[in-house]
Amino acid sequence: MRANLDTALLNFEYSKFNKLDKKNLEDKKLKELTDQFEAFLIKKVLDISLPKNNPLFPKDAGDKIYRSMYNDTLSQTMSGHFGFSELLYNFLKEKNR
């Protein structure tokens, strides 16, 4: 009888932690997606607002590519710090409950 009780308790604890891990994983994925969306919005703003004649990227064959890569890296770095990602994350998390 003792073995069955131990097995039942072990299974209960495992299922409880498994649900918590799954929920934490889903929350982490949602946060990553909202950060990526914020990075996308920031990149669009940077593409529009930064001057086209930037001395960092002189006119040559790859200046558009370099400017795009620069804006992409800058937007990835800045994402998650403007508050839009957190707002969207909280809204979607509440909506999902």
PDB file of N, CA and C in Angstrom:
ATOM      1  N   MET A   1       0.823  -1.192   0.000  1.00  0.00           N
ATOM      2  CA  MET A   1       0.000   0.000   0.000  1.00  0.00           C
ATOM      3  C   MET A   1       0.868   1.257   0.000  1.00  0.00           C
ATOM      4  N   ARG A   2       1.977   1.200   0.718  1.00  0.00           N
ATOM      5  CA  ARG A   2       2.865   2.358   0.813  1.00  0.00           C
ATOM      6  C   ARG A   2       3.449   2.724  -0.553  1.00  0.00           C
ATOM      7  N   ALA A   3       3.784   1.740  -1.366  1.00  0.00           N
ATOM      8  CA  ALA A   3       4.364   1.989  -2.688  1.00  0.00           C
ATOM      9  C   ALA A   3       3.367   2.726  -3.578  1.00  0.00           C
ATOM     10  N   ASN A   4       2.102   2.341  -3.511  1.00  0.00           N
ATOM     11  CA  ASN A   4       1.082   2.998  -4.327  1.00  0.00           C
ATOM     12  C   ASN A   4       0.893   4.450  -3.906  1.00  0.00           C
ATOM     13  N   LEU A   5       0.947   4.716  -2.604  1.00  0.00           N
ATOM     14  CA  LEU A   5       0.813   6.078  -2.114  1.00  0.00           C
ATOM     15  C   LEU A   5       2.011   6.929  -2.554  1.00  0.00           C
ATOM     16  N   ASP A   6       3.219   6.377  -2.456  1.00  0.00           N
ATOM     17  CA  ASP A   6       4.406   7.102  -2.905  1.00  0.00           C
ATOM     18  C   ASP A   6       4.347   7.390  -4.405  1.00  0.00           C
ATOM     19  N   THR A   7       3.917   6.420  -5.165  1.00  0.00           N
ATOM     20  CA  THR A   7       3.796   6.604  -6.613  1.00  0.00           C
ATOM     21  C   THR A   7       2.755   7.665  -6.939  1.00  0.00           C
ATOM     22  N   ALA A   8       1.646   7.645  -6.249  1.00  0.00           N
ATOM     23  CA  ALA A   8       0.598   8.631  -6.478  1.00  0.00           C
ATOM     24  C   ALA A   8       1.088  10.037  -6.143  1.00  0.00           C
ATOM     25  N   LEU A   9       1.797  10.177  -5.028  1.00  0.00           N
ATOM     26  CA  LEU A   9       2.338  11.489  -4.646  1.00  0.00           C
ATOM     27  C   LEU A   9       3.375  11.968  -5.655  1.00  0.00           C
ATOM     28  N   LEU A  10       4.220  11.060  -6.107  1.00  0.00           N
ATOM     29  CA  LEU A  10       5.237  11.416  -7.091  1.00  0.00           C
ATOM     30  C   LEU A  10       4.591  11.875  -8.391  1.00  0.00           C
ATOM     31  N   ASN A  11       3.584  11.161  -8.845  1.00  0.00           N
ATOM     32  CA  ASN A  11       2.879  11.538 -10.072  1.00  0.00           C
ATOM     33  C   ASN A  11       2.172  12.884  -9.913  1.00  0.00           C
ATOM     34  N   PHE A  12       1.592  13.125  -8.749  1.00  0.00           N
ATOM     35  CA  PHE A  12       0.919  14.396  -8.503  1.00  0.00           C
ATOM     36  C   PHE A  12       1.915  15.544  -8.550  1.00  0.00           C
ATOM     37  N   GLU A  13       3.057  15.394  -7.872  1.00  0.00           N
ATOM     38  CA  GLU A  13       4.082  16.442  -7.858  1.00  0.00           C
ATOM     39  C   GLU A  13       4.632  16.686  -9.257  1.00  0.00           C
ATOM     40  N   TYR A  14       4.858  15.605 -10.007  1.00  0.00           N
ATOM     41  CA  TYR A  14       5.382  15.748 -11.357  1.00  0.00           C
ATOM     42  C   TYR A  14       4.407  16.496 -12.252  1.00  0.00           C
ATOM     43  N   SER A  15       3.122  16.163 -12.168  1.00  0.00           N
ATOM     44  CA  SER A  15       2.130  16.829 -13.014  1.00  0.00           C
ATOM     45  C   SER A  15       1.996  18.306 -12.639  1.00  0.00           C
ATOM     46  N   LYS A  16       2.120  18.606 -11.329  1.00  0.00           N
ATOM     47  CA  LYS A  16       2.027  20.002 -10.898  1.00  0.00           C
ATOM     48  C   LYS A  16       3.195  20.808 -11.458  1.00  0.00           C
ATOM     49  N   PHE A  17       4.409  20.270 -11.363  1.00  0.00           N
ATOM     50  CA  PHE A  17       5.575  20.976 -11.877  1.00  0.00           C
ATOM     51  C   PHE A  17       5.571  21.027 -13.394  1.00  0.00           C
ATOM     52  N   ASN A  18       5.066  19.997 -14.026  1.00  0.00           N
ATOM     53  CA  ASN A  18       4.994  19.969 -15.477  1.00  0.00           C
ATOM     54  C   ASN A  18       4.075  21.077 -15.990  1.00  0.00           C
ATOM     55  N   LYS A  19       2.952  21.293 -15.294  1.00  0.00           N
ATOM     56  CA  LYS A  19       2.036  22.362 -15.679  1.00  0.00           C
ATOM     57  C   LYS A  19       2.691  23.730 -15.479  1.00  0.00           C
ATOM     58  N   LEU A  20       3.429  23.892 -14.381  1.00  0.00           N
ATOM     59  CA  LEU A  20       4.115  25.159 -14.128  1.00  0.00           C
ATOM     60  C   LEU A  20       5.188  25.419 -15.175  1.00  0.00           C
ATOM     61  N   ASP A  21       5.957  24.386 -15.533  1.00  0.00           N
ATOM     62  CA  ASP A  21       6.984  24.545 -16.552  1.00  0.00           C
ATOM     63  C   ASP A  21       6.372  24.908 -17.895  1.00  0.00           C
ATOM     64  N   LYS A  22       5.265  24.274 -18.220  1.00  0.00           N
ATOM     65  CA  LYS A  22       4.595  24.556 -19.493  1.00  0.00           C
ATOM     66  C   LYS A  22       4.069  25.992 -19.508  1.00  0.00           C
ATOM     67  N   LYS A  23       3.503  26.429 -18.391  1.00  0.00           N
ATOM     68  CA  LYS A  23       2.992  27.802 -18.307  1.00  0.00           C
ATOM     69  C   LYS A  23       4.127  28.812 -18.396  1.00  0.00           C
ATOM     70  N   ASN A  24       5.243  28.555 -17.703  1.00  0.00           N
ATOM     71  CA  ASN A  24       6.394  29.455 -17.770  1.00  0.00           C
ATOM     72  C   ASN A  24       6.978  29.503 -19.171  1.00  0.00           C
ATOM     73  N   LEU A  25       7.010  28.362 -19.852  1.00  0.00           N
ATOM     74  CA  LEU A  25       7.519  28.317 -21.211  1.00  0.00           C
ATOM     75  C   LEU A  25       6.623  29.120 -22.154  1.00  0.00           C
ATOM     76  N   GLU A  26       5.314  28.987 -21.989  1.00  0.00           N
ATOM     77  CA  GLU A  26       4.379  29.750 -22.817  1.00  0.00           C
ATOM     78  C   GLU A  26       4.522  31.251 -22.553  1.00  0.00           C
ATOM     79  N   ASP A  27       4.684  31.639 -21.282  1.00  0.00           N
ATOM     80  CA  ASP A  27       4.870  33.051 -20.948  1.00  0.00           C
ATOM     81  C   ASP A  27       6.167  33.588 -21.548  1.00  0.00           C
ATOM     82  N   LYS A  28       7.207  32.785 -21.508  1.00  0.00           N
ATOM     83  CA  LYS A  28       8.494  33.209 -22.062  1.00  0.00           C
ATOM     84  C   LYS A  28       8.398  33.388 -23.577  1.00  0.00           C
ATOM     85  N   LYS A  29       7.717  32.463 -24.247  1.00  0.00           N
ATOM     86  CA  LYS A  29       7.534  32.577 -25.701  1.00  0.00           C
ATOM     87  C   LYS A  29       6.698  33.803 -26.043  1.00  0.00           C
ATOM     88  N   LEU A  30       5.652  34.054 -25.272  1.00  0.00           N
ATOM     89  CA  LEU A  30       4.819  35.228 -25.519  1.00  0.00           C
ATOM     90  C   LEU A  30       5.622  36.510 -25.344  1.00  0.00           C
ATOM     91  N   LYS A  31       6.474  36.564 -24.322  1.00  0.00           N
ATOM     92  CA  LYS A  31       7.311  37.744 -24.093  1.00  0.00           C
ATOM     93  C   LYS A  31       8.290  37.943 -25.236  1.00  0.00           C
ATOM     94  N   GLU A  32       8.871  36.867 -25.739  1.00  0.00           N
ATOM     95  CA  GLU A  32       9.787  36.972 -26.877  1.00  0.00           C
ATOM     96  C   GLU A  32       9.064  37.498 -28.114  1.00  0.00           C
ATOM     97  N   LEU A  33       7.854  37.018 -28.342  1.00  0.00           N
ATOM     98  CA  LEU A  33       7.088  37.472 -29.509  1.00  0.00           C
ATOM     99  C   LEU A  33       6.694  38.938 -29.398  1.00  0.00           C
ATOM    100  N   THR A  34       6.309  39.368 -28.215  1.00  0.00           N
ATOM    101  CA  THR A  34       5.943  40.780 -28.071  1.00  0.00           C
ATOM    102  C   THR A  34       7.178  41.671 -28.197  1.00  0.00           C
ATOM    103  N   ASP A  35       8.335  41.201 -27.728  1.00  0.00           N
ATOM    104  CA  ASP A  35       9.579  41.956 -27.925  1.00  0.00           C
ATOM    105  C   ASP A  35       9.942  42.046 -29.404  1.00  0.00           C
ATOM    106  N   GLN A  36       9.730  40.957 -30.134  1.00  0.00           N
ATOM    107  CA  GLN A  36      10.005  40.974 -31.573  1.00  0.00           C
ATOM    108  C   GLN A  36       9.068  41.931 -32.301  1.00  0.00           C
ATOM    109  N   PHE A  37       7.821  41.976 -31.887  1.00  0.00           N
ATOM    110  CA  PHE A  37       6.874  42.895 -32.514  1.00  0.00           C
ATOM    111  C   PHE A  37       7.271  44.341 -32.232  1.00  0.00           C
ATOM    112  N   GLU A  38       7.695  44.621 -30.997  1.00  0.00           N
ATOM    113  CA  GLU A  38       8.148  45.963 -30.675  1.00  0.00           C
ATOM    114  C   GLU A  38       9.397  46.313 -31.482  1.00  0.00           C
ATOM    115  N   ALA A  39      10.307  45.357 -31.678  1.00  0.00           N
ATOM    116  CA  ALA A  39      11.499  45.590 -32.492  1.00  0.00           C
ATOM    117  C   ALA A  39      11.112  45.913 -33.937  1.00  0.00           C
ATOM    118  N   PHE A  40      10.101  45.237 -34.453  1.00  0.00           N
ATOM    119  CA  PHE A  40       9.616  45.513 -35.804  1.00  0.00           C
ATOM    120  C   PHE A  40       9.103  46.952 -35.921  1.00  0.00           C
ATOM    121  N   LEU A  41       8.319  47.372 -34.933  1.00  0.00           N
ATOM    122  CA  LEU A  41       7.798  48.748 -34.957  1.00  0.00           C
ATOM    123  C   LEU A  41       8.927  49.775 -34.853  1.00  0.00           C
ATOM    124  N   ILE A  42       9.903  49.509 -33.985  1.00  0.00           N
ATOM    125  CA  ILE A  42      11.028  50.429 -33.829  1.00  0.00           C
ATOM    126  C   ILE A  42      11.826  50.507 -35.124  1.00  0.00           C
ATOM    127  N   LYS A  43      12.026  49.377 -35.797  1.00  0.00           N
ATOM    128  CA  LYS A  43      12.776  49.385 -37.058  1.00  0.00           C
ATOM    129  C   LYS A  43      12.063  50.219 -38.112  1.00  0.00           C
ATOM    130  N   LYS A  44      10.756  50.112 -38.173  1.00  0.00           N
ATOM    131  CA  LYS A  44      10.006  50.920 -39.139  1.00  0.00           C
ATOM    132  C   LYS A  44      10.174  52.414 -38.854  1.00  0.00           C
ATOM    133  N   VAL A  45      10.150  52.778 -37.575  1.00  0.00           N
ATOM    134  CA  VAL A  45      10.345  54.187 -37.207  1.00  0.00           C
ATOM    135  C   VAL A  45      11.762  54.629 -37.563  1.00  0.00           C
ATOM    136  N   LEU A  46      12.750  53.787 -37.300  1.00  0.00           N
ATOM    137  CA  LEU A  46      14.133  54.133 -37.617  1.00  0.00           C
ATOM    138  C   LEU A  46      14.346  54.255 -39.116  1.00  0.00           C
ATOM    139  N   ASP A  47      13.736  53.377 -39.888  1.00  0.00           N
ATOM    140  CA  ASP A  47      13.868  53.441 -41.342  1.00  0.00           C
ATOM    141  C   ASP A  47      13.337  54.762 -41.891  1.00  0.00           C
ATOM    142  N   ILE A  48      12.297  55.258 -41.279  1.00  0.00           N
ATOM    143  CA  ILE A  48      11.696  56.506 -41.744  1.00  0.00           C
ATOM    144  C   ILE A  48      12.449  57.723 -41.215  1.00  0.00           C
ATOM    145  N   SER A  49      12.855  57.664 -39.951  1.00  0.00           N
ATOM    146  CA  SER A  49      13.349  58.875 -39.292  1.00  0.00           C
ATOM    147  C   SER A  49      14.842  59.141 -39.458  1.00  0.00           C
ATOM    148  N   LEU A  50      15.660  58.110 -39.587  1.00  0.00           N
ATOM    149  CA  LEU A  50      17.098  58.359 -39.722  1.00  0.00           C
ATOM    150  C   LEU A  50      17.412  58.922 -41.100  1.00  0.00           C
ATOM    151  N   PRO A  51      18.328  59.886 -41.168  1.00  0.00           N
ATOM    152  CA  PRO A  51      18.628  60.517 -42.452  1.00  0.00           C
ATOM    153  C   PRO A  51      19.259  59.532 -43.436  1.00  0.00           C
ATOM    154  N   LYS A  52      18.970  59.740 -44.700  1.00  0.00           N
ATOM    155  CA  LYS A  52      19.502  58.855 -45.743  1.00  0.00           C
ATOM    156  C   LYS A  52      20.969  59.142 -46.034  1.00  0.00           C
ATOM    157  N   ASN A  53      21.439  60.354 -45.749  1.00  0.00           N
ATOM    158  CA  ASN A  53      22.835  60.703 -46.030  1.00  0.00           C
ATOM    159  C   ASN A  53      23.670  60.655 -44.750  1.00  0.00           C
ATOM    160  N   ASN A  54      23.690  59.504 -44.119  1.00  0.00           N
ATOM    161  CA  ASN A  54      24.415  59.291 -42.882  1.00  0.00           C
ATOM    162  C   ASN A  54      25.904  59.090 -43.200  1.00  0.00           C
ATOM    163  N   PRO A  55      26.810  59.810 -42.519  1.00  0.00           N
ATOM    164  CA  PRO A  55      28.240  59.638 -42.812  1.00  0.00           C
ATOM    165  C   PRO A  55      28.777  58.259 -42.429  1.00  0.00           C
ATOM    166  N   LEU A  56      28.034  57.518 -41.622  1.00  0.00           N
ATOM    167  CA  LEU A  56      28.461  56.152 -41.298  1.00  0.00           C
ATOM    168  C   LEU A  56      28.405  55.235 -42.516  1.00  0.00           C
ATOM    169  N   PHE A  57      27.502  55.528 -43.430  1.00  0.00           N
ATOM    170  CA  PHE A  57      27.303  54.686 -44.606  1.00  0.00           C
ATOM    171  C   PHE A  57      27.472  55.529 -45.863  1.00  0.00           C
ATOM    172  N   PRO A  58      28.711  55.679 -46.338  1.00  0.00           N
ATOM    173  CA  PRO A  58      28.916  56.470 -47.551  1.00  0.00           C
ATOM    174  C   PRO A  58      28.266  55.791 -48.757  1.00  0.00           C
ATOM    175  N   LYS A  59      28.015  56.569 -49.770  1.00  0.00           N
ATOM    176  CA  LYS A  59      27.352  56.043 -50.968  1.00  0.00           C
ATOM    177  C   LYS A  59      28.255  55.029 -51.662  1.00  0.00           C
ATOM    178  N   ASP A  60      27.835  53.792 -51.628  1.00  0.00           N
ATOM    179  CA  ASP A  60      28.508  52.732 -52.370  1.00  0.00           C
ATOM    180  C   ASP A  60      27.489  51.638 -52.657  1.00  0.00           C
ATOM    181  N   ALA A  61      27.947  50.514 -53.121  1.00  0.00           N
ATOM    182  CA  ALA A  61      27.032  49.457 -53.558  1.00  0.00           C
ATOM    183  C   ALA A  61      26.194  48.872 -52.414  1.00  0.00           C
ATOM    184  N   GLY A  62      26.726  48.850 -51.196  1.00  0.00           N
ATOM    185  CA  GLY A  62      26.012  48.194 -50.111  1.00  0.00           C
ATOM    186  C   GLY A  62      25.468  49.107 -49.045  1.00  0.00           C
ATOM    187  N   ASP A  63      25.371  50.411 -49.327  1.00  0.00           N
ATOM    188  CA  ASP A  63      24.950  51.343 -48.280  1.00  0.00           C
ATOM    189  C   ASP A  63      23.533  51.074 -47.775  1.00  0.00           C
ATOM    190  N   LYS A  64      22.629  50.662 -48.647  1.00  0.00           N
ATOM    191  CA  LYS A  64      21.260  50.357 -48.204  1.00  0.00           C
ATOM    192  C   LYS A  64      21.230  49.112 -47.325  1.00  0.00           C
ATOM    193  N   ILE A  65      22.051  48.144 -47.671  1.00  0.00           N
ATOM    194  CA  ILE A  65      22.110  46.910 -46.874  1.00  0.00           C
ATOM    195  C   ILE A  65      22.689  47.210 -45.501  1.00  0.00           C
ATOM    196  N   TYR A  66      23.782  47.983 -45.464  1.00  0.00           N
ATOM    197  CA  TYR A  66      24.404  48.318 -44.179  1.00  0.00           C
ATOM    198  C   TYR A  66      23.458  49.126 -43.304  1.00  0.00           C
ATOM    199  N   ARG A  67      22.752  50.075 -43.900  1.00  0.00           N
ATOM    200  CA  ARG A  67      21.805  50.904 -43.141  1.00  0.00           C
ATOM    201  C   ARG A  67      20.677  50.036 -42.584  1.00  0.00           C
ATOM    202  N   SER A  68      20.189  49.105 -43.385  1.00  0.00           N
ATOM    203  CA  SER A  68      19.120  48.211 -42.931  1.00  0.00           C
ATOM    204  C   SER A  68      19.604  47.303 -41.794  1.00  0.00           C
ATOM    205  N   MET A  69      20.815  46.787 -41.927  1.00  0.00           N
ATOM    206  CA  MET A  69      21.374  45.930 -40.871  1.00  0.00           C
ATOM    207  C   MET A  69      21.596  46.729 -39.586  1.00  0.00           C
ATOM    208  N   TYR A  70      22.056  47.957 -39.728  1.00  0.00           N
ATOM    209  CA  TYR A  70      22.268  48.828 -38.570  1.00  0.00           C
ATOM    210  C   TYR A  70      20.943  49.097 -37.856  1.00  0.00           C
ATOM    211  N   ASN A  71      19.922  49.458 -38.624  1.00  0.00           N
ATOM    212  CA  ASN A  71      18.608  49.735 -38.040  1.00  0.00           C
ATOM    213  C   ASN A  71      18.010  48.482 -37.403  1.00  0.00           C
ATOM    214  N   ASP A  72      18.228  47.332 -38.012  1.00  0.00           N
ATOM    215  CA  ASP A  72      17.706  46.080 -37.463  1.00  0.00           C
ATOM    216  C   ASP A  72      18.369  45.760 -36.123  1.00  0.00           C
ATOM    217  N   THR A  73      19.684  45.888 -36.066  1.00  0.00           N
ATOM    218  CA  THR A  73      20.396  45.614 -34.813  1.00  0.00           C
ATOM    219  C   THR A  73      20.012  46.613 -33.731  1.00  0.00           C
ATOM    220  N   LEU A  74      19.902  47.864 -34.102  1.00  0.00           N
ATOM    221  CA  LEU A  74      19.510  48.895 -33.151  1.00  0.00           C
ATOM    222  C   LEU A  74      18.103  48.649 -32.615  1.00  0.00           C
ATOM    223  N   SER A  75      17.199  48.252 -33.483  1.00  0.00           N
ATOM    224  CA  SER A  75      15.822  47.997 -33.034  1.00  0.00           C
ATOM    225  C   SER A  75      15.754  46.767 -32.135  1.00  0.00           C
ATOM    226  N   GLN A  76      16.540  45.728 -32.431  1.00  0.00           N
ATOM    227  CA  GLN A  76      16.566  44.544 -31.568  1.00  0.00           C
ATOM    228  C   GLN A  76      17.093  44.896 -30.179  1.00  0.00           C
ATOM    229  N   THR A  77      18.097  45.762 -30.141  1.00  0.00           N
ATOM    230  CA  THR A  77      18.677  46.171 -28.866  1.00  0.00           C
ATOM    231  C   THR A  77      17.710  47.025 -28.065  1.00  0.00           C
ATOM    232  N   MET A  78      16.966  47.878 -28.732  1.00  0.00           N
ATOM    233  CA  MET A  78      16.066  48.804 -28.048  1.00  0.00           C
ATOM    234  C   MET A  78      14.728  48.172 -27.670  1.00  0.00           C
ATOM    235  N   SER A  79      14.386  47.043 -28.269  1.00  0.00           N
ATOM    236  CA  SER A  79      13.078  46.448 -27.990  1.00  0.00           C
ATOM    237  C   SER A  79      12.998  45.953 -26.555  1.00  0.00           C
ATOM    238  N   GLY A  80      11.814  46.059 -25.989  1.00  0.00           N
ATOM    239  CA  GLY A  80      11.593  45.652 -24.609  1.00  0.00           C
ATOM    240  C   GLY A  80      11.805  46.768 -23.614  1.00  0.00           C
ATOM    241  N   HIS A  81      12.215  47.943 -24.076  1.00  0.00           N
ATOM    242  CA  HIS A  81      12.508  49.054 -23.172  1.00  0.00           C
ATOM    243  C   HIS A  81      11.586  50.256 -23.376  1.00  0.00           C
ATOM    244  N   PHE A  82      10.678  50.171 -24.329  1.00  0.00           N
ATOM    245  CA  PHE A  82       9.767  51.281 -24.583  1.00  0.00           C
ATOM    246  C   PHE A  82       8.424  51.125 -23.882  1.00  0.00           C
ATOM    247  N   GLY A  83       8.117  49.919 -23.445  1.00  0.00           N
ATOM    248  CA  GLY A  83       6.875  49.693 -22.728  1.00  0.00           C
ATOM    249  C   GLY A  83       5.761  49.130 -23.586  1.00  0.00           C
ATOM    250  N   PHE A  84       5.898  49.248 -24.895  1.00  0.00           N
ATOM    251  CA  PHE A  84       4.846  48.732 -25.770  1.00  0.00           C
ATOM    252  C   PHE A  84       4.795  47.210 -25.694  1.00  0.00           C
ATOM    253  N   SER A  85       5.957  46.575 -25.632  1.00  0.00           N
ATOM    254  CA  SER A  85       6.023  45.121 -25.529  1.00  0.00           C
ATOM    255  C   SER A  85       5.367  44.635 -24.246  1.00  0.00           C
ATOM    256  N   GLU A  86       5.642  45.307 -23.150  1.00  0.00           N
ATOM    257  CA  GLU A  86       5.055  44.921 -21.860  1.00  0.00           C
ATOM    258  C   GLU A  86       3.547  45.125 -21.863  1.00  0.00           C
ATOM    259  N   LEU A  87       3.095  46.219 -22.448  1.00  0.00           N
ATOM    260  CA  LEU A  87       1.665  46.494 -22.547  1.00  0.00           C
ATOM    261  C   LEU A  87       0.959  45.406 -23.353  1.00  0.00           C
ATOM    262  N   LEU A  88       1.529  45.058 -24.482  1.00  0.00           N
ATOM    263  CA  LEU A  88       0.956  44.018 -25.332  1.00  0.00           C
ATOM    264  C   LEU A  88       0.999  42.653 -24.647  1.00  0.00           C
ATOM    265  N   TYR A  89       2.107  42.363 -23.969  1.00  0.00           N
ATOM    266  CA  TYR A  89       2.251  41.101 -23.236  1.00  0.00           C
ATOM    267  C   TYR A  89       1.172  40.973 -22.159  1.00  0.00           C
ATOM    268  N   ASN A  90       0.996  42.013 -21.361  1.00  0.00           N
ATOM    269  CA  ASN A  90      -0.012  41.976 -20.300  1.00  0.00           C
ATOM    270  C   ASN A  90      -1.421  41.845 -20.857  1.00  0.00           C
ATOM    271  N   PHE A  91      -1.689  42.543 -21.953  1.00  0.00           N
ATOM    272  CA  PHE A  91      -3.013  42.463 -22.581  1.00  0.00           C
ATOM    273  C   PHE A  91      -3.298  41.043 -23.087  1.00  0.00           C
ATOM    274  N   LEU A  92      -2.325  40.449 -23.786  1.00  0.00           N
ATOM    275  CA  LEU A  92      -2.524  39.111 -24.317  1.00  0.00           C
ATOM    276  C   LEU A  92      -2.583  38.060 -23.220  1.00  0.00           C
ATOM    277  N   LYS A  93      -1.836  38.255 -22.173  1.00  0.00           N
ATOM    278  CA  LYS A  93      -1.856  37.308 -21.054  1.00  0.00           C
ATOM    279  C   LYS A  93      -3.220  37.343 -20.352  1.00  0.00           C
ATOM    280  N   GLU A  94      -3.780  38.536 -20.141  1.00  0.00           N
ATOM    281  CA  GLU A  94      -5.104  38.663 -19.533  1.00  0.00           C
ATOM    282  C   GLU A  94      -6.182  38.087 -20.445  1.00  0.00           C
ATOM    283  N   LYS A  95      -6.023  38.318 -21.732  1.00  0.00           N
ATOM    284  CA  LYS A  95      -6.994  37.829 -22.707  1.00  0.00           C
ATOM    285  C   LYS A  95      -7.007  36.302 -22.755  1.00  0.00           C
ATOM    286  N   ASN A  96      -5.859  35.702 -22.467  1.00  0.00           N
ATOM    287  CA  ASN A  96      -5.699  34.262 -22.559  1.00  0.00           C
ATOM    288  C   ASN A  96      -6.227  33.525 -21.334  1.00  0.00           C
ATOM    289  N   ARG A  97      -6.483  34.210 -20.244  1.00  0.00           N
ATOM    290  CA  ARG A  97      -6.937  33.547 -19.002  1.00  0.00           C
ATOM    291  C   ARG A  97      -8.335  33.089 -19.079  1.00  0.00           C
TER     292      ARG A  97
END
